[in-house]
Amino acid sequence: MVIDLNADLGEGFGIWRLGDDTALLDIVTSANVACGFHAGDPVTIRRTCAAAVDRGVTIGAQVSYRDLAHFGRREMEVEPEELCAEVLYQLAAVDGIARAMGGRVSYVKPHGALYNRICRDREQAAAVIDAVADYDPSLPVLTLPGSVVHEVAAAEGVPTVSEAFADRAYTSAGALVSRREPGAVIHDPEAVSSRAVRMAVEHTVTSADGRQVPVSARSICVHGDTPDAVSLARAVRDGLLEAGVVLQAFA
């Protein structure tokens, strides 16, 4: 039982700070670094990458729609060529800074609305995968199990890695409950930890309507933008270790 623990980091912007990146980097094995389109700025990206390198945490580029106003959580209609170019731009920017800090981008994880959209939208999924293939086709893309991204990426020779979300509610179809719905984000550390352990050990999660949904994942995510993110991530890490799970980055 080997699991990667990832979190969204570097999501401040200018004088606005969000989350405790330093504390989370002492807990997780992979860091999804915001690329500046939904959050993040050059200084924040530099600091986050440097801190990740210092701790031996794997760096991923968290690409997004160009949507600072809505934190990348608003679905957008973007032409495939434009979306491909914008993902390529974000990936190259964060990788360049990471390399200057002594590391590199080792994987790609779409953020927010883009993440959910490309799980079902083949055209936008292809645009994202095209960008990864153009930059470095060896970079794995994090996505939900059953996502169309797996098939699209396989056709272009880009690897994918399935992930699960310890702090998000699931539908009976295995998708994430919309953040517009009550209970979409889970804040209780004990509940989040037990869900993560079941995902890693039993490969299942209880959906919002009480059904048992199969989950096969190599990585588990805890969001870094919730007020209790550090306690949640620590509870997940402790729970997994107590269950005999080895925590190790997938890339």
C-alpha atoms as a PDB file:
ATOM      1  CA  MET A   1       0.000   0.000   0.000  1.00  0.00           C
ATOM      2  CA  VAL A   2       1.840   3.048  -1.316  1.00  0.00           C
ATOM      3  CA  ILE A   3       0.058   6.408  -1.487  1.00  0.00           C
ATOM      4  CA  ASP A   4       1.090   9.923  -2.425  1.00  0.00           C
ATOM      5  CA  LEU A   5      -0.381  12.767  -0.361  1.00  0.00           C
ATOM      6  CA  ASN A   6      -0.827  15.959  -2.365  1.00  0.00           C
ATOM      7  CA  ALA A   7      -2.110  19.447  -1.598  1.00  0.00           C
ATOM      8  CA  ASP A   8      -2.767  22.653  -3.538  1.00  0.00           C
ATOM      9  CA  LEU A   9      -0.148  25.238  -2.575  1.00  0.00           C
ATOM     10  CA  GLY A  10       1.127  28.664  -3.583  1.00  0.00           C
ATOM     11  CA  GLU A  11      -2.409  30.010  -3.862  1.00  0.00           C
ATOM     12  CA  GLY A  12      -1.736  33.459  -2.487  1.00  0.00           C
ATOM     13  CA  PHE A  13      -1.670  36.489  -4.776  1.00  0.00           C
ATOM     14  CA  GLY A  14       0.177  39.720  -4.055  1.00  0.00           C
ATOM     15  CA  ILE A  15      -0.528  40.827  -0.489  1.00  0.00           C
ATOM     16  CA  TRP A  16      -3.342  38.253  -0.193  1.00  0.00           C
ATOM     17  CA  ARG A  17      -2.264  35.067   1.558  1.00  0.00           C
ATOM     18  CA  LEU A  18      -4.143  31.783   1.512  1.00  0.00           C
ATOM     19  CA  GLY A  19      -3.260  28.722   3.544  1.00  0.00           C
ATOM     20  CA  ASP A  20      -0.109  27.746   5.410  1.00  0.00           C
ATOM     21  CA  ASP A  21       2.182  26.436   2.695  1.00  0.00           C
ATOM     22  CA  THR A  22       5.141  25.926   5.005  1.00  0.00           C
ATOM     23  CA  ALA A  23       3.194  23.736   7.417  1.00  0.00           C
ATOM     24  CA  LEU A  24       1.630  21.713   4.615  1.00  0.00           C
ATOM     25  CA  LEU A  25       4.989  21.130   2.944  1.00  0.00           C
ATOM     26  CA  ASP A  26       6.113  19.403   6.137  1.00  0.00           C
ATOM     27  CA  ILE A  27       3.207  16.951   5.751  1.00  0.00           C
ATOM     28  CA  VAL A  28       2.596  16.193   2.065  1.00  0.00           C
ATOM     29  CA  THR A  29       4.721  14.309  -0.453  1.00  0.00           C
ATOM     30  CA  SER A  30       3.605  16.299  -3.534  1.00  0.00           C
ATOM     31  CA  ALA A  31       2.782  19.989  -3.967  1.00  0.00           C
ATOM     32  CA  ASN A  32       0.392  21.231  -6.653  1.00  0.00           C
ATOM     33  CA  VAL A  33       1.781  24.727  -7.214  1.00  0.00           C
ATOM     34  CA  ALA A  34      -0.622  27.365  -8.554  1.00  0.00           C
ATOM     35  CA  CYS A  35       0.667  28.791 -11.831  1.00  0.00           C
ATOM     36  CA  GLY A  36      -0.733  32.333 -11.694  1.00  0.00           C
ATOM     37  CA  PHE A  37      -3.998  31.860 -13.588  1.00  0.00           C
ATOM     38  CA  HIS A  38      -6.336  31.046 -10.686  1.00  0.00           C
ATOM     39  CA  ALA A  39      -3.919  32.135  -7.947  1.00  0.00           C
ATOM     40  CA  GLY A  40      -0.214  32.561  -7.388  1.00  0.00           C
ATOM     41  CA  ASP A  41       2.294  35.171  -8.531  1.00  0.00           C
ATOM     42  CA  PRO A  42       6.004  34.987  -9.387  1.00  0.00           C
ATOM     43  CA  VAL A  43       7.215  35.608  -5.833  1.00  0.00           C
ATOM     44  CA  THR A  44       4.763  33.114  -4.351  1.00  0.00           C
ATOM     45  CA  ILE A  45       5.672  30.490  -6.958  1.00  0.00           C
ATOM     46  CA  ARG A  46       9.384  31.028  -6.284  1.00  0.00           C
ATOM     47  CA  ARG A  47       8.983  30.754  -2.516  1.00  0.00           C
ATOM     48  CA  THR A  48       6.771  27.689  -2.757  1.00  0.00           C
ATOM     49  CA  CYS A  49       9.101  25.877  -5.140  1.00  0.00           C
ATOM     50  CA  ALA A  50      12.143  26.718  -3.019  1.00  0.00           C
ATOM     51  CA  ALA A  51      10.442  25.460   0.140  1.00  0.00           C
ATOM     52  CA  ALA A  52       9.341  22.263  -1.619  1.00  0.00           C
ATOM     53  CA  VAL A  53      12.868  21.597  -2.878  1.00  0.00           C
ATOM     54  CA  ASP A  54      14.281  22.158   0.620  1.00  0.00           C
ATOM     55  CA  ARG A  55      11.913  19.486   2.000  1.00  0.00           C
ATOM     56  CA  GLY A  56      12.204  16.994  -0.829  1.00  0.00           C
ATOM     57  CA  VAL A  57       8.559  17.462  -1.809  1.00  0.00           C
ATOM     58  CA  THR A  58       7.706  16.710  -5.438  1.00  0.00           C
ATOM     59  CA  ILE A  59       6.499  19.736  -7.431  1.00  0.00           C
ATOM     60  CA  GLY A  60       3.505  19.651  -9.759  1.00  0.00           C
ATOM     61  CA  ALA A  61       2.099  22.430 -11.946  1.00  0.00           C
ATOM     62  CA  GLN A  62      -1.521  23.182 -11.058  1.00  0.00           C
ATOM     63  CA  VAL A  63      -2.800  24.619 -14.315  1.00  0.00           C
ATOM     64  CA  SER A  64      -6.139  26.403 -14.513  1.00  0.00           C
ATOM     65  CA  TYR A  65      -8.504  28.500 -16.532  1.00  0.00           C
ATOM     66  CA  ARG A  66      -7.453  32.165 -16.647  1.00  0.00           C
ATOM     67  CA  ASP A  67      -9.812  33.146 -13.821  1.00  0.00           C
ATOM     68  CA  LEU A  68      -8.302  35.025 -10.887  1.00  0.00           C
ATOM     69  CA  ALA A  69     -11.644  36.629 -10.034  1.00  0.00           C
ATOM     70  CA  HIS A  70     -13.335  33.290  -9.356  1.00  0.00           C
ATOM     71  CA  PHE A  71     -10.289  31.285  -8.207  1.00  0.00           C
ATOM     72  CA  GLY A  72     -10.554  29.041 -11.255  1.00  0.00           C
ATOM     73  CA  ARG A  73     -13.839  27.571 -10.075  1.00  0.00           C
ATOM     74  CA  ARG A  74     -15.985  28.864 -12.932  1.00  0.00           C
ATOM     75  CA  GLU A  75     -16.352  26.750 -16.058  1.00  0.00           C
ATOM     76  CA  MET A  76     -15.234  28.638 -19.158  1.00  0.00           C
ATOM     77  CA  GLU A  77     -15.627  28.105 -22.870  1.00  0.00           C
ATOM     78  CA  VAL A  78     -12.121  28.339 -24.294  1.00  0.00           C
ATOM     79  CA  GLU A  79     -11.061  27.444 -27.817  1.00  0.00           C
ATOM     80  CA  PRO A  80      -8.850  24.338 -27.811  1.00  0.00           C
ATOM     81  CA  GLU A  81      -5.817  26.106 -29.289  1.00  0.00           C
ATOM     82  CA  GLU A  82      -6.092  28.897 -26.726  1.00  0.00           C
ATOM     83  CA  LEU A  83      -6.528  26.477 -23.819  1.00  0.00           C
ATOM     84  CA  CYS A  84      -3.574  24.414 -24.996  1.00  0.00           C
ATOM     85  CA  ALA A  85      -1.381  27.522 -25.209  1.00  0.00           C
ATOM     86  CA  GLU A  86      -2.467  28.762 -21.779  1.00  0.00           C
ATOM     87  CA  VAL A  87      -1.715  25.407 -20.144  1.00  0.00           C
ATOM     88  CA  LEU A  88       1.657  25.292 -21.891  1.00  0.00           C
ATOM     89  CA  TYR A  89       2.402  28.832 -20.679  1.00  0.00           C
ATOM     90  CA  GLN A  90       1.613  27.944 -17.065  1.00  0.00           C
ATOM     91  CA  LEU A  91       3.550  24.705 -17.135  1.00  0.00           C
ATOM     92  CA  ALA A  92       6.647  26.317 -18.623  1.00  0.00           C
ATOM     93  CA  ALA A  93       6.553  29.193 -16.135  1.00  0.00           C
ATOM     94  CA  VAL A  94       6.406  27.046 -13.007  1.00  0.00           C
ATOM     95  CA  ASP A  95       8.922  24.531 -14.328  1.00  0.00           C
ATOM     96  CA  GLY A  96      11.352  27.342 -15.136  1.00  0.00           C
ATOM     97  CA  ILE A  97      11.109  28.744 -11.613  1.00  0.00           C
ATOM     98  CA  ALA A  98      11.292  25.271 -10.057  1.00  0.00           C
ATOM     99  CA  ARG A  99      14.482  24.519 -11.982  1.00  0.00           C
ATOM    100  CA  ALA A 100      16.014  27.814 -10.866  1.00  0.00           C
ATOM    101  CA  MET A 101      15.332  26.692  -7.289  1.00  0.00           C
ATOM    102  CA  GLY A 102      17.025  23.336  -7.847  1.00  0.00           C
ATOM    103  CA  GLY A 103      13.949  21.248  -8.617  1.00  0.00           C
ATOM    104  CA  ARG A 104      11.575  20.709 -11.509  1.00  0.00           C
ATOM    105  CA  VAL A 105       7.931  20.108 -12.320  1.00  0.00           C
ATOM    106  CA  SER A 106       7.329  16.360 -12.185  1.00  0.00           C
ATOM    107  CA  TYR A 107       3.604  16.187 -12.956  1.00  0.00           C
ATOM    108  CA  VAL A 108       0.568  18.258 -13.947  1.00  0.00           C
ATOM    109  CA  LYS A 109      -2.705  18.633 -12.075  1.00  0.00           C
ATOM    110  CA  PRO A 110      -5.518  20.791 -13.483  1.00  0.00           C
ATOM    111  CA  HIS A 111      -7.323  22.941 -10.935  1.00  0.00           C
ATOM    112  CA  GLY A 112     -10.952  23.530 -10.037  1.00  0.00           C
ATOM    113  CA  ALA A 113     -13.401  23.889 -12.883  1.00  0.00           C
ATOM    114  CA  LEU A 114     -10.838  22.830 -15.472  1.00  0.00           C
ATOM    115  CA  TYR A 115     -10.139  19.638 -13.512  1.00  0.00           C
ATOM    116  CA  ASN A 116     -13.820  18.717 -13.414  1.00  0.00           C
ATOM    117  CA  ARG A 117     -14.498  19.788 -17.003  1.00  0.00           C
ATOM    118  CA  ILE A 118     -11.818  17.655 -18.588  1.00  0.00           C
ATOM    119  CA  CYS A 119     -13.010  14.602 -16.691  1.00  0.00           C
ATOM    120  CA  ARG A 120     -15.993  14.539 -19.071  1.00  0.00           C
ATOM    121  CA  ASP A 121     -15.160  16.935 -21.955  1.00  0.00           C
ATOM    122  CA  ARG A 122     -12.980  15.182 -24.514  1.00  0.00           C
ATOM    123  CA  GLU A 123     -12.173  18.360 -26.472  1.00  0.00           C
ATOM    124  CA  GLN A 124     -10.884  20.318 -23.505  1.00  0.00           C
ATOM    125  CA  ALA A 125      -9.125  17.226 -22.180  1.00  0.00           C
ATOM    126  CA  ALA A 126      -7.321  16.920 -25.498  1.00  0.00           C
ATOM    127  CA  ALA A 127      -6.242  20.571 -25.325  1.00  0.00           C
ATOM    128  CA  VAL A 128      -4.699  20.047 -21.890  1.00  0.00           C
ATOM    129  CA  ILE A 129      -3.015  16.794 -22.909  1.00  0.00           C
ATOM    130  CA  ASP A 130      -1.697  18.412 -26.101  1.00  0.00           C
ATOM    131  CA  ALA A 131       0.023  21.062 -23.977  1.00  0.00           C
ATOM    132  CA  VAL A 132       1.629  18.447 -21.737  1.00  0.00           C
ATOM    133  CA  ALA A 133       2.711  16.405 -24.756  1.00  0.00           C
ATOM    134  CA  ASP A 134       4.236  19.488 -26.391  1.00  0.00           C
ATOM    135  CA  TYR A 135       6.213  20.348 -23.261  1.00  0.00           C
ATOM    136  CA  ASP A 136       7.201  16.941 -21.896  1.00  0.00           C
ATOM    137  CA  PRO A 137       5.134  13.836 -22.709  1.00  0.00           C
ATOM    138  CA  SER A 138       6.702  11.974 -19.788  1.00  0.00           C
ATOM    139  CA  LEU A 139       4.906  14.187 -17.248  1.00  0.00           C
ATOM    140  CA  PRO A 140       1.963  12.345 -15.641  1.00  0.00           C
ATOM    141  CA  VAL A 141      -1.399  14.085 -15.315  1.00  0.00           C
ATOM    142  CA  LEU A 142      -3.416  13.697 -12.100  1.00  0.00           C
ATOM    143  CA  THR A 143      -7.123  13.041 -12.644  1.00  0.00           C
ATOM    144  CA  LEU A 144     -10.117  11.146 -11.267  1.00  0.00           C
ATOM    145  CA  PRO A 145     -10.493   7.408 -11.904  1.00  0.00           C
ATOM    146  CA  GLY A 146     -12.800   6.861 -14.865  1.00  0.00           C
ATOM    147  CA  SER A 147     -12.034  10.273 -16.345  1.00  0.00           C
ATOM    148  CA  VAL A 148     -11.918  10.627 -20.128  1.00  0.00           C
ATOM    149  CA  VAL A 149      -8.471  12.132 -19.603  1.00  0.00           C
ATOM    150  CA  HIS A 150      -7.038   8.634 -19.184  1.00  0.00           C
ATOM    151  CA  GLU A 151      -8.120   7.590 -22.674  1.00  0.00           C
ATOM    152  CA  VAL A 152      -7.142  10.879 -24.315  1.00  0.00           C
ATOM    153  CA  ALA A 153      -3.720  10.845 -22.671  1.00  0.00           C
ATOM    154  CA  ALA A 154      -3.059   7.220 -23.576  1.00  0.00           C
ATOM    155  CA  ALA A 155      -3.616   8.047 -27.246  1.00  0.00           C
ATOM    156  CA  GLU A 156      -0.813  10.636 -27.039  1.00  0.00           C
ATOM    157  CA  GLY A 157       1.532   8.585 -24.886  1.00  0.00           C
ATOM    158  CA  VAL A 158       1.091  10.810 -21.822  1.00  0.00           C
ATOM    159  CA  PRO A 159       0.871   8.918 -18.500  1.00  0.00           C
ATOM    160  CA  THR A 160      -1.963   9.508 -16.044  1.00  0.00           C
ATOM    161  CA  VAL A 161      -2.306   8.908 -12.321  1.00  0.00           C
ATOM    162  CA  SER A 162      -5.630   8.479 -10.525  1.00  0.00           C
ATOM    163  CA  GLU A 163      -6.305  10.415  -7.353  1.00  0.00           C
ATOM    164  CA  ALA A 164      -8.949  10.580  -4.669  1.00  0.00           C
ATOM    165  CA  PHE A 165     -10.078  13.447  -2.444  1.00  0.00           C
ATOM    166  CA  ALA A 166     -10.179  12.875   1.284  1.00  0.00           C
ATOM    167  CA  ASP A 167     -11.957  16.156   2.048  1.00  0.00           C
ATOM    168  CA  ARG A 168     -14.547  16.212  -0.737  1.00  0.00           C
ATOM    169  CA  ALA A 169     -17.946  14.531  -0.968  1.00  0.00           C
ATOM    170  CA  TYR A 170     -18.552  12.077  -3.823  1.00  0.00           C
ATOM    171  CA  THR A 171     -21.577  11.342  -5.964  1.00  0.00           C
ATOM    172  CA  SER A 172     -22.681   7.748  -6.484  1.00  0.00           C
ATOM    173  CA  ALA A 173     -21.140   7.971  -9.974  1.00  0.00           C
ATOM    174  CA  GLY A 174     -17.682   8.609  -8.506  1.00  0.00           C
ATOM    175  CA  ALA A 175     -17.582  12.319  -9.354  1.00  0.00           C
ATOM    176  CA  LEU A 176     -17.060  15.145  -6.874  1.00  0.00           C
ATOM    177  CA  VAL A 177     -20.131  16.849  -5.432  1.00  0.00           C
ATOM    178  CA  SER A 178     -20.347  20.454  -6.670  1.00  0.00           C
ATOM    179  CA  ARG A 179     -19.027  23.017  -4.219  1.00  0.00           C
ATOM    180  CA  ARG A 180     -22.375  24.766  -4.600  1.00  0.00           C
ATOM    181  CA  GLU A 181     -23.985  21.896  -2.703  1.00  0.00           C
ATOM    182  CA  PRO A 182     -24.029  21.756   1.116  1.00  0.00           C
ATOM    183  CA  GLY A 183     -21.540  19.282   2.541  1.00  0.00           C
ATOM    184  CA  ALA A 184     -19.365  19.260  -0.588  1.00  0.00           C
ATOM    185  CA  VAL A 185     -16.269  19.988   1.516  1.00  0.00           C
ATOM    186  CA  ILE A 186     -15.636  17.901   4.642  1.00  0.00           C
ATOM    187  CA  HIS A 187     -13.994  19.708   7.567  1.00  0.00           C
ATOM    188  CA  ASP A 188     -13.883  17.098  10.344  1.00  0.00           C
ATOM    189  CA  PRO A 189     -10.306  15.755  10.694  1.00  0.00           C
ATOM    190  CA  GLU A 190     -11.415  12.344  11.983  1.00  0.00           C
ATOM    191  CA  ALA A 191     -13.888  11.870   9.137  1.00  0.00           C
ATOM    192  CA  VAL A 192     -11.374  12.992   6.528  1.00  0.00           C
ATOM    193  CA  SER A 193      -8.693  10.698   7.945  1.00  0.00           C
ATOM    194  CA  SER A 194     -10.961   7.646   8.032  1.00  0.00           C
ATOM    195  CA  ARG A 195     -12.093   8.318   4.453  1.00  0.00           C
ATOM    196  CA  ALA A 196      -8.471   8.505   3.305  1.00  0.00           C
ATOM    197  CA  VAL A 197      -7.623   5.215   5.013  1.00  0.00           C
ATOM    198  CA  ARG A 198     -10.613   3.472   3.408  1.00  0.00           C
ATOM    199  CA  MET A 199      -9.614   4.856   0.023  1.00  0.00           C
ATOM    200  CA  ALA A 200      -6.060   3.576   0.401  1.00  0.00           C
ATOM    201  CA  VAL A 201      -6.770   0.230   2.058  1.00  0.00           C
ATOM    202  CA  GLU A 202     -10.260  -0.799   0.926  1.00  0.00           C
ATOM    203  CA  HIS A 203     -10.379   1.224  -2.324  1.00  0.00           C
ATOM    204  CA  THR A 204     -13.843   2.560  -1.592  1.00  0.00           C
ATOM    205  CA  VAL A 205     -15.625   5.718  -0.401  1.00  0.00           C
ATOM    206  CA  THR A 206     -19.127   6.383   0.892  1.00  0.00           C
ATOM    207  CA  SER A 207     -20.994   8.736  -1.450  1.00  0.00           C
ATOM    208  CA  ALA A 208     -23.164  11.635  -0.306  1.00  0.00           C
ATOM    209  CA  ASP A 209     -26.254   9.418  -0.639  1.00  0.00           C
ATOM    210  CA  GLY A 210     -24.734   6.577   1.388  1.00  0.00           C
ATOM    211  CA  ARG A 211     -23.622   4.238  -1.386  1.00  0.00           C
ATOM    212  CA  GLN A 212     -20.257   2.488  -1.492  1.00  0.00           C
ATOM    213  CA  VAL A 213     -18.299   3.736  -4.500  1.00  0.00           C
ATOM    214  CA  PRO A 214     -15.104   2.009  -5.704  1.00  0.00           C
ATOM    215  CA  VAL A 215     -12.030   4.255  -5.722  1.00  0.00           C
ATOM    216  CA  SER A 216      -8.673   3.238  -7.128  1.00  0.00           C
ATOM    217  CA  ALA A 217      -6.067   5.915  -6.531  1.00  0.00           C
ATOM    218  CA  ARG A 218      -2.287   6.290  -6.242  1.00  0.00           C
ATOM    219  CA  SER A 219      -2.570   9.788  -4.769  1.00  0.00           C
ATOM    220  CA  ILE A 220      -4.877  11.381  -2.192  1.00  0.00           C
ATOM    221  CA  CYS A 221      -5.540  15.122  -2.129  1.00  0.00           C
ATOM    222  CA  VAL A 222      -6.251  17.430   0.786  1.00  0.00           C
ATOM    223  CA  HIS A 223      -7.093  20.973  -0.314  1.00  0.00           C
ATOM    224  CA  GLY A 224      -4.784  23.670   0.971  1.00  0.00           C
ATOM    225  CA  ASP A 225      -7.248  26.567   0.794  1.00  0.00           C
ATOM    226  CA  THR A 226      -9.553  25.537   3.646  1.00  0.00           C
ATOM    227  CA  PRO A 227      -9.008  27.174   7.057  1.00  0.00           C
ATOM    228  CA  ASP A 228      -8.341  23.796   8.693  1.00  0.00           C
ATOM    229  CA  ALA A 229      -6.149  22.412   5.901  1.00  0.00           C
ATOM    230  CA  VAL A 230      -3.105  21.750   8.076  1.00  0.00           C
ATOM    231  CA  SER A 231      -4.995  19.791  10.733  1.00  0.00           C
ATOM    232  CA  LEU A 232      -6.833  17.837   8.029  1.00  0.00           C
ATOM    233  CA  ALA A 233      -3.628  16.975   6.185  1.00  0.00           C
ATOM    234  CA  ARG A 234      -1.895  15.953   9.396  1.00  0.00           C
ATOM    235  CA  ALA A 235      -4.831  13.746  10.386  1.00  0.00           C
ATOM    236  CA  VAL A 236      -4.768  12.085   6.975  1.00  0.00           C
ATOM    237  CA  ARG A 237      -1.025  11.499   7.123  1.00  0.00           C
ATOM    238  CA  ASP A 238      -1.201  10.072  10.646  1.00  0.00           C
ATOM    239  CA  GLY A 239      -4.155   7.847   9.762  1.00  0.00           C
ATOM    240  CA  LEU A 240      -2.465   6.435   6.686  1.00  0.00           C
ATOM    241  CA  LEU A 241       0.778   5.723   8.507  1.00  0.00           C
ATOM    242  CA  GLU A 242      -1.077   4.027  11.358  1.00  0.00           C
ATOM    243  CA  ALA A 243      -2.824   1.827   8.786  1.00  0.00           C
ATOM    244  CA  GLY A 244       0.529   0.685   7.421  1.00  0.00           C
ATOM    245  CA  VAL A 245       0.388   2.769   4.249  1.00  0.00           C
ATOM    246  CA  VAL A 246       3.717   3.940   2.844  1.00  0.00           C
ATOM    247  CA  LEU A 247       3.666   7.623   1.877  1.00  0.00           C
ATOM    248  CA  GLN A 248       5.643   8.174  -1.298  1.00  0.00           C
ATOM    249  CA  ALA A 249       5.354  10.567  -4.224  1.00  0.00           C
ATOM    250  CA  PHE A 250       4.276   8.960  -7.489  1.00  0.00           C
ATOM    251  CA  ALA A 251       6.636  11.075  -9.614  1.00  0.00           C
END
